[in-house]
Amino acid sequence: MKAHCAPRRSAPSPQRGLFGVAALGWLLLAALALTLLLKVAPGMSEHARLHTLVRGIAAASPADARAVQEAFDAQKSAQRIESLAARDLVVTREEGILVISYAYDFKVVLVGPVSLLIRYEGTTREAAQ
C-alpha cells in the first residue's frame, strides 16, 4: 500500500495581500477627498451667490457707492452671505461704467490647528465690457 502524501504548498508570493492594503489606501484617500470637498463646498456656494448678487447690483447701475452698499445690505441676508460686508465692496467708475470689486478670505478648519485658507476675489469689470 502506498502512503498518501499531502500536496506540497508553494511559498506565498510577496504580493499576496497587497491588494487589500492598496484598496484600503485608495478608500482612505477617497474619504479624505470627500471630506475636504464637503468642507470647501459651502464657501464655493457662497462665492457663487455673492458673485451673482454683485453682478445683479452692477447691472442695475446704481448712482454711487452708497447706493451699491444699500442694495447689497438689502439682499445680503436673503442670499445667506456672511463672509463679506457692504463696506468691503470697492466701487469705482471705469470709462463711465460702474465696477464693483471684492476680495475676502474663507477659512476651513481641517483637523486641530490645520486649516485651509481660500482667497476669493471677484469683479464686475469683465461683465461690463
N, C-alpha and C. Protein backbone atom coordinates (compact mmCIF):
# COMPACT_ATOMS: atom_id res chain seq x y z
N MET A 1 0.83 -1.15 0.00
CA MET A 1 0.00 0.00 0.00
C MET A 1 0.89 1.24 0.00
N LYS A 2 0.49 2.16 -0.78
CA LYS A 2 1.25 3.37 -0.97
C LYS A 2 0.80 4.43 0.00
N ALA A 3 1.75 5.11 0.61
CA ALA A 3 1.39 6.17 1.55
C ALA A 3 0.93 7.40 0.79
N HIS A 4 -0.07 8.01 1.33
CA HIS A 4 -0.61 9.21 0.71
C HIS A 4 0.15 10.42 1.23
N CYS A 5 0.70 11.16 0.33
CA CYS A 5 1.43 12.37 0.72
C CYS A 5 0.55 13.59 0.52
N ALA A 6 0.66 14.48 1.45
CA ALA A 6 -0.08 15.74 1.30
C ALA A 6 0.53 16.54 0.17
N PRO A 7 -0.30 17.24 -0.62
CA PRO A 7 0.27 18.03 -1.71
C PRO A 7 1.13 19.16 -1.16
N ARG A 8 2.18 19.41 -1.86
CA ARG A 8 3.08 20.48 -1.43
C ARG A 8 2.47 21.83 -1.70
N ARG A 9 2.62 22.69 -0.77
CA ARG A 9 2.16 24.07 -0.96
C ARG A 9 3.36 24.92 -1.32
N SER A 10 3.12 25.77 -2.28
CA SER A 10 4.22 26.65 -2.66
C SER A 10 4.31 27.80 -1.66
N ALA A 11 5.46 28.38 -1.58
CA ALA A 11 5.67 29.50 -0.67
C ALA A 11 4.80 30.68 -1.12
N PRO A 12 4.21 31.41 -0.16
CA PRO A 12 3.36 32.54 -0.56
C PRO A 12 4.18 33.60 -1.29
N SER A 13 3.55 34.16 -2.30
CA SER A 13 4.24 35.20 -3.06
C SER A 13 4.28 36.48 -2.24
N PRO A 14 5.29 37.33 -2.46
CA PRO A 14 5.41 38.54 -1.66
C PRO A 14 4.28 39.53 -1.93
N GLN A 15 3.51 39.37 -3.01
CA GLN A 15 2.45 40.31 -3.34
C GLN A 15 1.11 39.88 -2.76
N ARG A 16 1.05 38.73 -2.18
CA ARG A 16 -0.21 38.24 -1.64
C ARG A 16 -0.67 39.16 -0.51
N GLY A 17 -1.92 39.64 -0.58
CA GLY A 17 -2.46 40.52 0.44
C GLY A 17 -2.22 41.99 0.15
N LEU A 18 -1.47 42.29 -0.88
CA LEU A 18 -1.17 43.68 -1.21
C LEU A 18 -2.40 44.39 -1.77
N PHE A 19 -3.28 43.65 -2.44
CA PHE A 19 -4.48 44.25 -3.00
C PHE A 19 -5.34 44.86 -1.90
N GLY A 20 -5.48 44.16 -0.81
CA GLY A 20 -6.29 44.66 0.32
C GLY A 20 -5.71 45.93 0.91
N VAL A 21 -4.41 45.99 1.03
CA VAL A 21 -3.75 47.19 1.57
C VAL A 21 -3.92 48.36 0.60
N ALA A 22 -3.75 48.09 -0.69
CA ALA A 22 -3.90 49.15 -1.70
C ALA A 22 -5.35 49.64 -1.74
N ALA A 23 -6.30 48.74 -1.68
CA ALA A 23 -7.72 49.13 -1.68
C ALA A 23 -8.04 49.97 -0.46
N LEU A 24 -7.49 49.60 0.68
CA LEU A 24 -7.71 50.38 1.89
C LEU A 24 -7.10 51.78 1.76
N GLY A 25 -5.93 51.86 1.15
CA GLY A 25 -5.30 53.16 0.91
C GLY A 25 -6.13 54.04 0.00
N TRP A 26 -6.63 53.47 -1.09
CA TRP A 26 -7.47 54.25 -2.01
C TRP A 26 -8.77 54.67 -1.34
N LEU A 27 -9.33 53.81 -0.53
CA LEU A 27 -10.55 54.15 0.20
C LEU A 27 -10.30 55.30 1.17
N LEU A 28 -9.17 55.28 1.83
CA LEU A 28 -8.80 56.35 2.75
C LEU A 28 -8.62 57.67 2.00
N LEU A 29 -7.93 57.63 0.86
CA LEU A 29 -7.75 58.84 0.05
C LEU A 29 -9.09 59.39 -0.45
N ALA A 30 -9.98 58.51 -0.87
CA ALA A 30 -11.30 58.95 -1.34
C ALA A 30 -12.09 59.59 -0.20
N ALA A 31 -12.00 59.02 0.99
CA ALA A 31 -12.71 59.58 2.15
C ALA A 31 -12.15 60.96 2.51
N LEU A 32 -10.83 61.11 2.45
CA LEU A 32 -10.22 62.42 2.73
C LEU A 32 -10.63 63.45 1.70
N ALA A 33 -10.64 63.07 0.42
CA ALA A 33 -11.04 63.99 -0.64
C ALA A 33 -12.50 64.39 -0.50
N LEU A 34 -13.37 63.45 -0.16
CA LEU A 34 -14.78 63.76 0.04
C LEU A 34 -14.98 64.68 1.23
N THR A 35 -14.25 64.43 2.31
CA THR A 35 -14.34 65.30 3.49
C THR A 35 -13.90 66.72 3.15
N LEU A 36 -12.81 66.84 2.44
CA LEU A 36 -12.32 68.15 2.04
C LEU A 36 -13.35 68.87 1.15
N LEU A 37 -13.91 68.14 0.21
CA LEU A 37 -14.92 68.73 -0.67
C LEU A 37 -16.14 69.20 0.12
N LEU A 38 -16.57 68.42 1.07
CA LEU A 38 -17.74 68.80 1.87
C LEU A 38 -17.47 70.01 2.75
N LYS A 39 -16.23 70.20 3.16
CA LYS A 39 -15.89 71.38 3.97
C LYS A 39 -15.69 72.62 3.13
N VAL A 40 -15.26 72.46 1.88
CA VAL A 40 -15.00 73.60 1.00
C VAL A 40 -16.26 74.02 0.24
N ALA A 41 -17.18 73.11 0.00
CA ALA A 41 -18.37 73.38 -0.80
C ALA A 41 -19.20 74.57 -0.31
N PRO A 42 -19.44 74.75 0.99
CA PRO A 42 -20.23 75.91 1.41
C PRO A 42 -19.59 77.25 1.02
N GLY A 43 -18.27 77.34 1.09
CA GLY A 43 -17.59 78.57 0.69
C GLY A 43 -17.70 78.81 -0.81
N MET A 44 -17.61 77.74 -1.59
CA MET A 44 -17.75 77.88 -3.04
C MET A 44 -19.16 78.31 -3.41
N SER A 45 -20.13 77.74 -2.72
CA SER A 45 -21.53 78.08 -2.98
C SER A 45 -21.81 79.54 -2.60
N GLU A 46 -21.29 79.97 -1.46
CA GLU A 46 -21.47 81.35 -1.04
C GLU A 46 -20.82 82.31 -2.03
N HIS A 47 -19.65 81.97 -2.53
CA HIS A 47 -18.97 82.83 -3.50
C HIS A 47 -19.78 82.95 -4.79
N ALA A 48 -20.38 81.86 -5.23
CA ALA A 48 -21.21 81.89 -6.44
C ALA A 48 -22.43 82.80 -6.22
N ARG A 49 -23.08 82.67 -5.06
CA ARG A 49 -24.22 83.55 -4.76
C ARG A 49 -23.80 85.00 -4.66
N LEU A 50 -22.65 85.25 -4.05
CA LEU A 50 -22.13 86.61 -3.91
C LEU A 50 -21.82 87.21 -5.28
N HIS A 51 -21.19 86.44 -6.14
CA HIS A 51 -20.84 86.94 -7.47
C HIS A 51 -22.11 87.28 -8.27
N THR A 52 -23.12 86.42 -8.18
CA THR A 52 -24.39 86.68 -8.87
C THR A 52 -25.06 87.93 -8.32
N LEU A 53 -25.03 88.11 -7.01
CA LEU A 53 -25.63 89.29 -6.38
C LEU A 53 -24.93 90.57 -6.82
N VAL A 54 -23.62 90.57 -6.80
CA VAL A 54 -22.85 91.76 -7.18
C VAL A 54 -23.06 92.10 -8.65
N ARG A 55 -23.10 91.09 -9.50
CA ARG A 55 -23.36 91.36 -10.93
C ARG A 55 -24.75 91.92 -11.14
N GLY A 56 -25.72 91.44 -10.37
CA GLY A 56 -27.08 91.97 -10.48
C GLY A 56 -27.16 93.42 -10.03
N ILE A 57 -26.45 93.74 -8.97
CA ILE A 57 -26.42 95.13 -8.48
C ILE A 57 -25.75 96.03 -9.51
N ALA A 58 -24.66 95.58 -10.09
CA ALA A 58 -23.96 96.38 -11.10
C ALA A 58 -24.82 96.58 -12.34
N ALA A 59 -25.60 95.57 -12.70
CA ALA A 59 -26.46 95.67 -13.88
C ALA A 59 -27.56 96.71 -13.68
N ALA A 60 -27.96 96.93 -12.42
CA ALA A 60 -28.99 97.92 -12.13
C ALA A 60 -28.44 99.35 -12.21
N SER A 61 -27.15 99.51 -12.33
CA SER A 61 -26.46 100.80 -12.44
C SER A 61 -26.86 101.80 -11.35
N PRO A 62 -26.54 101.49 -10.10
CA PRO A 62 -26.82 102.45 -9.03
C PRO A 62 -26.01 103.73 -9.23
N ALA A 63 -26.45 104.79 -8.61
CA ALA A 63 -25.84 106.11 -8.81
C ALA A 63 -24.44 106.22 -8.23
N ASP A 64 -24.24 105.67 -7.03
CA ASP A 64 -22.94 105.83 -6.38
C ASP A 64 -22.64 104.65 -5.46
N ALA A 65 -21.51 104.73 -4.77
CA ALA A 65 -21.08 103.64 -3.89
C ALA A 65 -22.06 103.40 -2.75
N ARG A 66 -22.62 104.44 -2.24
CA ARG A 66 -23.58 104.31 -1.13
C ARG A 66 -24.81 103.52 -1.58
N ALA A 67 -25.29 103.78 -2.80
CA ALA A 67 -26.44 103.05 -3.33
C ALA A 67 -26.10 101.57 -3.53
N VAL A 68 -24.87 101.28 -3.94
CA VAL A 68 -24.42 99.89 -4.09
C VAL A 68 -24.42 99.20 -2.74
N GLN A 69 -23.89 99.85 -1.71
CA GLN A 69 -23.84 99.27 -0.37
C GLN A 69 -25.24 99.03 0.18
N GLU A 70 -26.15 99.97 -0.04
CA GLU A 70 -27.52 99.79 0.44
C GLU A 70 -28.20 98.62 -0.26
N ALA A 71 -28.00 98.50 -1.58
CA ALA A 71 -28.59 97.39 -2.32
C ALA A 71 -28.00 96.05 -1.85
N PHE A 72 -26.70 96.06 -1.58
CA PHE A 72 -26.04 94.84 -1.10
C PHE A 72 -26.59 94.43 0.27
N ASP A 73 -26.70 95.40 1.18
CA ASP A 73 -27.22 95.10 2.52
C ASP A 73 -28.66 94.61 2.47
N ALA A 74 -29.44 95.14 1.54
CA ALA A 74 -30.84 94.74 1.43
C ALA A 74 -30.98 93.28 0.99
N GLN A 75 -30.07 92.80 0.17
CA GLN A 75 -30.18 91.44 -0.38
C GLN A 75 -29.24 90.43 0.26
N LYS A 76 -28.35 90.90 1.09
CA LYS A 76 -27.32 90.04 1.68
C LYS A 76 -27.91 88.89 2.51
N SER A 77 -28.84 89.18 3.38
CA SER A 77 -29.39 88.13 4.24
C SER A 77 -30.24 87.15 3.46
N ALA A 78 -30.94 87.62 2.44
CA ALA A 78 -31.76 86.71 1.63
C ALA A 78 -30.88 85.73 0.86
N GLN A 79 -29.68 86.16 0.49
CA GLN A 79 -28.75 85.30 -0.25
C GLN A 79 -27.85 84.49 0.68
N ARG A 80 -27.99 84.65 1.99
CA ARG A 80 -27.18 83.94 3.00
C ARG A 80 -25.69 84.18 2.80
N ILE A 81 -25.32 85.45 2.70
CA ILE A 81 -23.92 85.82 2.54
C ILE A 81 -23.43 86.37 3.88
N GLU A 82 -22.43 85.71 4.43
CA GLU A 82 -21.92 86.10 5.74
C GLU A 82 -20.44 86.51 5.71
N SER A 83 -19.74 86.19 4.66
CA SER A 83 -18.30 86.41 4.61
C SER A 83 -17.89 87.81 4.19
N LEU A 84 -18.81 88.60 3.73
CA LEU A 84 -18.46 89.91 3.19
C LEU A 84 -19.50 90.93 3.64
N ALA A 85 -19.02 92.11 4.00
CA ALA A 85 -19.91 93.21 4.38
C ALA A 85 -19.95 94.23 3.25
N ALA A 86 -20.96 95.07 3.26
CA ALA A 86 -21.11 96.08 2.21
C ALA A 86 -19.92 97.04 2.19
N ARG A 87 -19.35 97.32 3.34
CA ARG A 87 -18.21 98.25 3.39
C ARG A 87 -16.96 97.66 2.74
N ASP A 88 -16.93 96.34 2.51
CA ASP A 88 -15.79 95.68 1.88
C ASP A 88 -15.83 95.74 0.35
N LEU A 89 -16.95 96.19 -0.20
CA LEU A 89 -17.05 96.31 -1.65
C LEU A 89 -16.28 97.54 -2.11
N VAL A 90 -15.53 97.40 -3.20
CA VAL A 90 -14.80 98.52 -3.78
C VAL A 90 -15.57 98.93 -5.05
N VAL A 91 -16.11 100.14 -5.02
CA VAL A 91 -16.93 100.62 -6.13
C VAL A 91 -16.18 101.73 -6.85
N THR A 92 -15.99 101.55 -8.16
CA THR A 92 -15.30 102.55 -8.97
C THR A 92 -16.05 102.72 -10.28
N ARG A 93 -15.70 103.79 -10.97
CA ARG A 93 -16.23 104.01 -12.33
C ARG A 93 -15.05 103.97 -13.27
N GLU A 94 -15.12 103.09 -14.25
CA GLU A 94 -14.07 102.98 -15.26
C GLU A 94 -14.70 103.21 -16.62
N GLU A 95 -14.27 104.28 -17.26
CA GLU A 95 -14.80 104.66 -18.57
C GLU A 95 -16.32 104.81 -18.52
N GLY A 96 -16.82 105.37 -17.43
CA GLY A 96 -18.25 105.61 -17.29
C GLY A 96 -19.06 104.40 -16.87
N ILE A 97 -18.40 103.27 -16.65
CA ILE A 97 -19.10 102.04 -16.27
C ILE A 97 -18.83 101.74 -14.80
N LEU A 98 -19.89 101.42 -14.07
CA LEU A 98 -19.76 101.07 -12.65
C LEU A 98 -19.11 99.70 -12.51
N VAL A 99 -18.02 99.64 -11.73
CA VAL A 99 -17.31 98.38 -11.50
C VAL A 99 -17.28 98.13 -10.00
N ILE A 100 -17.73 96.95 -9.61
CA ILE A 100 -17.74 96.55 -8.20
C ILE A 100 -16.73 95.40 -8.05
N SER A 101 -15.81 95.55 -7.11
CA SER A 101 -14.81 94.51 -6.85
C SER A 101 -14.87 94.13 -5.37
N TYR A 102 -14.43 92.92 -5.09
CA TYR A 102 -14.38 92.45 -3.70
C TYR A 102 -13.32 91.37 -3.57
N ALA A 103 -12.88 91.15 -2.36
CA ALA A 103 -11.93 90.09 -2.04
C ALA A 103 -12.12 89.75 -0.57
N TYR A 104 -12.08 88.47 -0.25
CA TYR A 104 -12.20 88.04 1.14
C TYR A 104 -11.59 86.67 1.30
N ASP A 105 -11.30 86.31 2.53
CA ASP A 105 -10.71 85.01 2.87
C ASP A 105 -11.77 84.10 3.47
N PHE A 106 -11.71 82.83 3.13
CA PHE A 106 -12.61 81.82 3.69
C PHE A 106 -11.74 80.75 4.34
N LYS A 107 -11.89 80.58 5.63
CA LYS A 107 -11.04 79.65 6.38
C LYS A 107 -11.82 78.37 6.67
N VAL A 108 -11.19 77.24 6.35
CA VAL A 108 -11.76 75.93 6.61
C VAL A 108 -10.86 75.21 7.60
N VAL A 109 -11.38 74.89 8.78
CA VAL A 109 -10.61 74.15 9.77
C VAL A 109 -10.67 72.68 9.40
N LEU A 110 -9.50 72.08 9.17
CA LEU A 110 -9.45 70.68 8.78
C LEU A 110 -9.35 69.77 9.99
N VAL A 111 -8.23 69.82 10.68
CA VAL A 111 -8.02 68.99 11.87
C VAL A 111 -7.20 69.79 12.86
N GLY A 112 -7.74 70.03 14.02
CA GLY A 112 -6.99 70.74 15.07
C GLY A 112 -6.44 72.06 14.58
N PRO A 113 -5.13 72.24 14.63
CA PRO A 113 -4.54 73.51 14.22
C PRO A 113 -4.33 73.63 12.70
N VAL A 114 -4.71 72.61 11.95
CA VAL A 114 -4.50 72.63 10.50
C VAL A 114 -5.73 73.24 9.83
N SER A 115 -5.51 74.31 9.06
CA SER A 115 -6.60 74.99 8.38
C SER A 115 -6.24 75.22 6.92
N LEU A 116 -7.27 75.42 6.13
CA LEU A 116 -7.12 75.75 4.72
C LEU A 116 -7.69 77.14 4.52
N LEU A 117 -6.90 78.05 3.96
CA LEU A 117 -7.33 79.42 3.73
C LEU A 117 -7.52 79.61 2.23
N ILE A 118 -8.76 79.97 1.85
CA ILE A 118 -9.08 80.18 0.44
C ILE A 118 -9.35 81.66 0.23
N ARG A 119 -8.71 82.24 -0.75
CA ARG A 119 -8.87 83.67 -1.07
C ARG A 119 -9.81 83.78 -2.26
N TYR A 120 -10.98 84.38 -2.01
CA TYR A 120 -11.95 84.60 -3.08
C TYR A 120 -11.87 86.05 -3.52
N GLU A 121 -11.90 86.26 -4.83
CA GLU A 121 -11.89 87.60 -5.40
C GLU A 121 -12.89 87.64 -6.54
N GLY A 122 -13.44 88.81 -6.79
CA GLY A 122 -14.35 88.94 -7.90
C GLY A 122 -14.50 90.39 -8.30
N THR A 123 -14.93 90.59 -9.53
CA THR A 123 -15.16 91.93 -10.03
C THR A 123 -16.21 91.86 -11.13
N THR A 124 -16.86 92.97 -11.37
CA THR A 124 -17.83 93.04 -12.46
C THR A 124 -17.20 93.67 -13.70
N ARG A 125 -15.89 93.86 -13.68
CA ARG A 125 -15.20 94.50 -14.79
C ARG A 125 -15.41 93.76 -16.10
N GLU A 126 -15.23 92.44 -16.09
CA GLU A 126 -15.37 91.67 -17.33
C GLU A 126 -16.82 91.61 -17.78
N ALA A 127 -17.77 91.69 -16.88
CA ALA A 127 -19.18 91.67 -17.26
C ALA A 127 -19.60 92.99 -17.89
N ALA A 128 -18.92 94.06 -17.52
CA ALA A 128 -19.29 95.38 -18.02
C ALA A 128 -18.81 95.62 -19.44
N GLN A 129 -17.83 94.86 -19.88
CA GLN A 129 -17.27 95.11 -21.22
C GLN A 129 -18.03 94.38 -22.30
